[in-house]
Amino acid sequence: MAYQAGCLTIYQAGELTVVGFGGQDAVANLNLAECRDELVKVIKEHNCKVLAFDLTGVKLIPSGTLGLIAAMRNLGVTVHIYNPSDDVRDVLEITKLDTIIEVHEVEIPQA
């Protein structure tokens, strides 16, 4: 069951932790320090090995947020991004972040 932790929605916590931004189409005006603290806490509390960011529905993501996502690798976790928009995927390719972060597409069933 998903729950809200400040700026993040946590869909699953454990060795595989899945987080998102609550389906916002533009991830802006985030308190990056607060998000980082929340991520560090969930990684440590749940002995996370893989941190997956679900970007389903997110059309735009600021560079600071992408930097935060990439920096999570420094905590000893593998970082994955799921369902980035075409624009976000382009930025990941241009910045070469797609070479250090695994990018995946998953089919989301329609309700």
N, C-alpha and C. Protein backbone atom coordinates (compact mmCIF):
# COMPACT_ATOMS: atom_id res chain seq x y z
N MET A 1 0.84 -1.19 0.00
CA MET A 1 0.00 0.00 0.00
C MET A 1 0.89 1.25 0.00
N ALA A 2 0.61 2.16 -0.87
CA ALA A 2 1.40 3.38 -1.00
C ALA A 2 1.12 4.33 0.17
N TYR A 3 2.15 5.06 0.57
CA TYR A 3 1.95 6.09 1.58
C TYR A 3 2.81 7.30 1.24
N GLN A 4 2.39 8.43 1.74
CA GLN A 4 3.06 9.69 1.47
C GLN A 4 4.10 9.94 2.55
N ALA A 5 5.30 10.32 2.15
CA ALA A 5 6.38 10.69 3.08
C ALA A 5 6.92 12.03 2.61
N GLY A 6 6.30 13.11 3.05
CA GLY A 6 6.71 14.44 2.60
C GLY A 6 6.46 14.60 1.12
N CYS A 7 7.51 14.85 0.35
CA CYS A 7 7.37 15.09 -1.09
C CYS A 7 7.30 13.79 -1.90
N LEU A 8 7.49 12.65 -1.25
CA LEU A 8 7.54 11.37 -1.96
C LEU A 8 6.32 10.51 -1.68
N THR A 9 5.97 9.71 -2.66
CA THR A 9 5.02 8.63 -2.45
C THR A 9 5.84 7.35 -2.43
N ILE A 10 5.70 6.57 -1.39
CA ILE A 10 6.45 5.32 -1.28
C ILE A 10 5.48 4.19 -1.57
N TYR A 11 5.74 3.50 -2.68
CA TYR A 11 4.87 2.42 -3.13
C TYR A 11 5.27 1.09 -2.53
N GLN A 12 6.57 0.93 -2.27
CA GLN A 12 7.08 -0.32 -1.71
C GLN A 12 8.38 0.01 -1.01
N ALA A 13 8.59 -0.58 0.16
CA ALA A 13 9.83 -0.36 0.90
C ALA A 13 10.44 -1.71 1.26
N GLY A 14 11.72 -1.84 1.03
CA GLY A 14 12.43 -3.09 1.31
C GLY A 14 13.72 -3.08 0.53
N GLU A 15 14.28 -4.28 0.25
CA GLU A 15 15.50 -4.33 -0.56
C GLU A 15 15.25 -3.66 -1.91
N LEU A 16 14.03 -3.84 -2.44
CA LEU A 16 13.58 -3.07 -3.60
C LEU A 16 12.60 -2.05 -3.08
N THR A 17 12.98 -0.80 -3.17
CA THR A 17 12.12 0.30 -2.73
C THR A 17 11.68 1.07 -3.95
N VAL A 18 10.37 1.31 -4.05
CA VAL A 18 9.80 2.03 -5.19
C VAL A 18 9.17 3.31 -4.68
N VAL A 19 9.64 4.44 -5.22
CA VAL A 19 9.12 5.74 -4.82
C VAL A 19 8.68 6.52 -6.06
N GLY A 20 7.85 7.50 -5.85
CA GLY A 20 7.41 8.38 -6.93
C GLY A 20 7.07 9.74 -6.37
N PHE A 21 6.51 10.55 -7.22
CA PHE A 21 6.18 11.92 -6.84
C PHE A 21 4.68 12.15 -6.90
N GLY A 22 3.93 11.14 -6.57
CA GLY A 22 2.48 11.26 -6.45
C GLY A 22 1.77 11.53 -7.76
N GLY A 23 2.37 11.15 -8.88
CA GLY A 23 1.71 11.33 -10.16
C GLY A 23 1.66 12.77 -10.66
N GLN A 24 2.43 13.66 -10.04
CA GLN A 24 2.47 15.05 -10.52
C GLN A 24 3.05 15.07 -11.92
N ASP A 25 2.51 15.91 -12.80
CA ASP A 25 3.05 15.95 -14.16
C ASP A 25 4.32 16.77 -14.25
N ALA A 26 4.54 17.68 -13.31
CA ALA A 26 5.77 18.46 -13.26
C ALA A 26 6.29 18.42 -11.83
N VAL A 27 7.48 17.90 -11.66
CA VAL A 27 8.08 17.80 -10.33
C VAL A 27 8.88 19.08 -10.11
N ALA A 28 8.20 20.07 -9.59
CA ALA A 28 8.84 21.37 -9.36
C ALA A 28 8.58 21.80 -7.92
N ASN A 29 9.32 22.76 -7.49
CA ASN A 29 9.15 23.32 -6.15
C ASN A 29 9.31 22.29 -5.03
N LEU A 30 10.09 21.26 -5.28
CA LEU A 30 10.37 20.28 -4.24
C LEU A 30 11.45 20.82 -3.32
N ASN A 31 11.35 20.50 -2.07
CA ASN A 31 12.42 20.80 -1.14
C ASN A 31 13.41 19.64 -1.26
N LEU A 32 14.47 19.84 -2.03
CA LEU A 32 15.41 18.76 -2.33
C LEU A 32 16.08 18.21 -1.08
N ALA A 33 16.38 19.07 -0.11
CA ALA A 33 17.00 18.60 1.13
C ALA A 33 16.04 17.67 1.88
N GLU A 34 14.76 18.04 1.91
CA GLU A 34 13.76 17.19 2.57
C GLU A 34 13.60 15.86 1.84
N CYS A 35 13.56 15.91 0.51
CA CYS A 35 13.45 14.67 -0.27
C CYS A 35 14.66 13.78 -0.05
N ARG A 36 15.84 14.38 -0.04
CA ARG A 36 17.06 13.60 0.19
C ARG A 36 17.01 12.93 1.55
N ASP A 37 16.62 13.70 2.58
CA ASP A 37 16.54 13.13 3.93
C ASP A 37 15.55 11.97 3.98
N GLU A 38 14.41 12.11 3.31
CA GLU A 38 13.41 11.04 3.28
C GLU A 38 13.96 9.81 2.59
N LEU A 39 14.66 10.02 1.47
CA LEU A 39 15.24 8.89 0.74
C LEU A 39 16.30 8.18 1.56
N VAL A 40 17.17 8.94 2.19
CA VAL A 40 18.23 8.35 3.03
C VAL A 40 17.58 7.53 4.15
N LYS A 41 16.55 8.07 4.76
CA LYS A 41 15.87 7.38 5.86
C LYS A 41 15.28 6.06 5.39
N VAL A 42 14.55 6.07 4.27
CA VAL A 42 13.90 4.84 3.80
C VAL A 42 14.95 3.82 3.34
N ILE A 43 16.04 4.27 2.74
CA ILE A 43 17.11 3.37 2.32
C ILE A 43 17.71 2.66 3.54
N LYS A 44 18.00 3.42 4.59
CA LYS A 44 18.63 2.85 5.78
C LYS A 44 17.66 1.97 6.55
N GLU A 45 16.42 2.44 6.74
CA GLU A 45 15.44 1.69 7.54
C GLU A 45 15.07 0.35 6.92
N HIS A 46 15.10 0.27 5.59
CA HIS A 46 14.62 -0.93 4.91
C HIS A 46 15.73 -1.71 4.23
N ASN A 47 16.99 -1.37 4.54
CA ASN A 47 18.14 -2.07 3.95
C ASN A 47 18.00 -2.16 2.42
N CYS A 48 17.66 -1.05 1.84
CA CYS A 48 17.40 -0.96 0.40
C CYS A 48 18.66 -1.25 -0.41
N LYS A 49 18.49 -2.06 -1.45
CA LYS A 49 19.57 -2.37 -2.39
C LYS A 49 19.30 -1.73 -3.76
N VAL A 50 18.01 -1.69 -4.13
CA VAL A 50 17.60 -1.10 -5.41
C VAL A 50 16.54 -0.04 -5.11
N LEU A 51 16.82 1.18 -5.56
CA LEU A 51 15.89 2.30 -5.39
C LEU A 51 15.30 2.63 -6.76
N ALA A 52 14.00 2.40 -6.90
CA ALA A 52 13.33 2.62 -8.19
C ALA A 52 12.43 3.85 -8.09
N PHE A 53 12.58 4.75 -9.05
CA PHE A 53 11.75 5.94 -9.13
C PHE A 53 10.71 5.72 -10.22
N ASP A 54 9.45 5.74 -9.83
CA ASP A 54 8.35 5.61 -10.78
C ASP A 54 7.99 7.02 -11.27
N LEU A 55 8.31 7.29 -12.52
CA LEU A 55 8.03 8.62 -13.10
C LEU A 55 6.81 8.60 -14.00
N THR A 56 5.95 7.60 -13.84
CA THR A 56 4.72 7.53 -14.62
C THR A 56 3.94 8.83 -14.44
N GLY A 57 3.62 9.47 -15.54
CA GLY A 57 2.84 10.71 -15.51
C GLY A 57 3.67 11.97 -15.34
N VAL A 58 4.95 11.85 -14.98
CA VAL A 58 5.81 13.02 -14.80
C VAL A 58 6.32 13.45 -16.17
N LYS A 59 5.99 14.67 -16.58
CA LYS A 59 6.40 15.16 -17.89
C LYS A 59 7.71 15.94 -17.82
N LEU A 60 7.89 16.70 -16.75
CA LEU A 60 9.08 17.54 -16.58
C LEU A 60 9.69 17.30 -15.21
N ILE A 61 11.00 17.30 -15.19
CA ILE A 61 11.71 17.11 -13.93
C ILE A 61 12.92 18.06 -13.91
N PRO A 62 13.04 18.89 -12.88
CA PRO A 62 14.16 19.84 -12.83
C PRO A 62 15.51 19.14 -12.70
N SER A 63 16.54 19.81 -13.15
CA SER A 63 17.88 19.22 -13.11
C SER A 63 18.31 18.90 -11.69
N GLY A 64 17.91 19.71 -10.72
CA GLY A 64 18.27 19.43 -9.33
C GLY A 64 17.69 18.12 -8.84
N THR A 65 16.48 17.82 -9.27
CA THR A 65 15.84 16.57 -8.89
C THR A 65 16.53 15.39 -9.57
N LEU A 66 16.91 15.56 -10.83
CA LEU A 66 17.68 14.51 -11.51
C LEU A 66 19.01 14.29 -10.82
N GLY A 67 19.63 15.37 -10.39
CA GLY A 67 20.89 15.25 -9.65
C GLY A 67 20.71 14.49 -8.34
N LEU A 68 19.60 14.77 -7.66
CA LEU A 68 19.30 14.07 -6.42
C LEU A 68 19.11 12.57 -6.69
N ILE A 69 18.38 12.24 -7.74
CA ILE A 69 18.15 10.84 -8.10
C ILE A 69 19.49 10.15 -8.37
N ALA A 70 20.34 10.79 -9.16
CA ALA A 70 21.64 10.21 -9.48
C ALA A 70 22.53 10.08 -8.24
N ALA A 71 22.44 11.05 -7.34
CA ALA A 71 23.29 11.04 -6.15
C ALA A 71 22.94 9.90 -5.19
N MET A 72 21.78 9.33 -5.31
CA MET A 72 21.40 8.21 -4.44
C MET A 72 22.34 7.02 -4.64
N ARG A 73 22.99 6.94 -5.79
CA ARG A 73 23.97 5.88 -6.05
C ARG A 73 25.12 5.94 -5.04
N ASN A 74 25.41 7.15 -4.54
CA ASN A 74 26.50 7.31 -3.57
C ASN A 74 26.19 6.65 -2.23
N LEU A 75 24.94 6.24 -2.05
CA LEU A 75 24.54 5.57 -0.81
C LEU A 75 24.60 4.05 -0.94
N GLY A 76 25.19 3.57 -2.04
CA GLY A 76 25.38 2.14 -2.22
C GLY A 76 24.17 1.40 -2.75
N VAL A 77 23.24 2.12 -3.37
CA VAL A 77 22.07 1.46 -3.97
C VAL A 77 22.15 1.58 -5.49
N THR A 78 21.52 0.63 -6.15
CA THR A 78 21.35 0.71 -7.59
C THR A 78 20.09 1.53 -7.84
N VAL A 79 20.17 2.46 -8.78
CA VAL A 79 19.03 3.34 -9.05
C VAL A 79 18.41 2.98 -10.38
N HIS A 80 17.10 2.85 -10.38
CA HIS A 80 16.32 2.60 -11.60
C HIS A 80 15.30 3.71 -11.77
N ILE A 81 14.99 4.03 -13.02
CA ILE A 81 13.90 4.96 -13.33
C ILE A 81 12.92 4.21 -14.22
N TYR A 82 11.65 4.28 -13.85
CA TYR A 82 10.60 3.62 -14.62
C TYR A 82 9.68 4.65 -15.26
N ASN A 83 9.37 4.40 -16.52
CA ASN A 83 8.38 5.17 -17.29
C ASN A 83 8.65 6.67 -17.37
N PRO A 84 9.89 7.06 -17.73
CA PRO A 84 10.11 8.50 -17.92
C PRO A 84 9.39 8.97 -19.19
N SER A 85 8.95 10.21 -19.20
CA SER A 85 8.35 10.78 -20.41
C SER A 85 9.44 10.87 -21.48
N ASP A 86 9.03 11.12 -22.71
CA ASP A 86 10.00 11.28 -23.81
C ASP A 86 10.98 12.40 -23.51
N ASP A 87 10.48 13.52 -22.94
CA ASP A 87 11.35 14.65 -22.63
C ASP A 87 12.37 14.29 -21.54
N VAL A 88 11.91 13.59 -20.51
CA VAL A 88 12.82 13.18 -19.44
C VAL A 88 13.83 12.17 -19.97
N ARG A 89 13.38 11.25 -20.80
CA ARG A 89 14.28 10.26 -21.41
C ARG A 89 15.35 10.97 -22.24
N ASP A 90 14.97 11.99 -23.01
CA ASP A 90 15.94 12.76 -23.80
C ASP A 90 17.00 13.39 -22.91
N VAL A 91 16.57 13.98 -21.79
CA VAL A 91 17.53 14.61 -20.87
C VAL A 91 18.46 13.56 -20.28
N LEU A 92 17.92 12.40 -19.94
CA LEU A 92 18.76 11.32 -19.41
C LEU A 92 19.81 10.90 -20.43
N GLU A 93 19.42 10.84 -21.71
CA GLU A 93 20.37 10.47 -22.76
C GLU A 93 21.41 11.55 -22.98
N ILE A 94 20.97 12.80 -23.08
CA ILE A 94 21.89 13.92 -23.35
C ILE A 94 22.92 14.07 -22.24
N THR A 95 22.47 13.90 -20.99
CA THR A 95 23.38 14.06 -19.85
C THR A 95 24.16 12.79 -19.54
N LYS A 96 23.86 11.72 -20.29
CA LYS A 96 24.49 10.40 -20.09
C LYS A 96 24.11 9.77 -18.75
N LEU A 97 23.09 10.30 -18.08
CA LEU A 97 22.63 9.68 -16.84
C LEU A 97 22.07 8.28 -17.10
N ASP A 98 21.61 8.05 -18.34
CA ASP A 98 21.08 6.72 -18.67
C ASP A 98 22.19 5.66 -18.71
N THR A 99 23.45 6.08 -18.60
CA THR A 99 24.54 5.11 -18.55
C THR A 99 24.84 4.68 -17.11
N ILE A 100 24.35 5.43 -16.12
CA ILE A 100 24.59 5.07 -14.72
C ILE A 100 23.30 4.74 -13.97
N ILE A 101 22.18 5.04 -14.59
CA ILE A 101 20.87 4.75 -14.01
C ILE A 101 20.13 3.85 -15.00
N GLU A 102 19.59 2.74 -14.52
CA GLU A 102 18.83 1.85 -15.40
C GLU A 102 17.47 2.47 -15.68
N VAL A 103 17.12 2.54 -16.96
CA VAL A 103 15.84 3.14 -17.38
C VAL A 103 14.96 2.03 -17.96
N HIS A 104 13.73 1.96 -17.47
CA HIS A 104 12.81 0.90 -17.87
C HIS A 104 11.44 1.49 -18.26
N GLU A 105 10.78 0.76 -19.12
CA GLU A 105 9.38 1.05 -19.47
C GLU A 105 8.55 -0.13 -19.01
N VAL A 106 7.48 0.13 -18.30
CA VAL A 106 6.56 -0.94 -17.90
C VAL A 106 5.15 -0.54 -18.28
N GLU A 107 4.43 -1.51 -18.77
CA GLU A 107 3.04 -1.29 -19.15
C GLU A 107 2.20 -1.15 -17.89
N ILE A 108 1.43 -0.08 -17.81
CA ILE A 108 0.57 0.16 -16.67
C ILE A 108 -0.85 -0.23 -17.09
N PRO A 109 -1.45 -1.22 -16.42
CA PRO A 109 -2.81 -1.60 -16.79
C PRO A 109 -3.80 -0.47 -16.50
N GLN A 110 -4.73 -0.27 -17.41
CA GLN A 110 -5.75 0.77 -17.22
C GLN A 110 -6.87 0.21 -16.37
N ALA A 111 -7.32 1.02 -15.42
CA ALA A 111 -8.38 0.57 -14.51
C ALA A 111 -9.74 0.66 -15.17
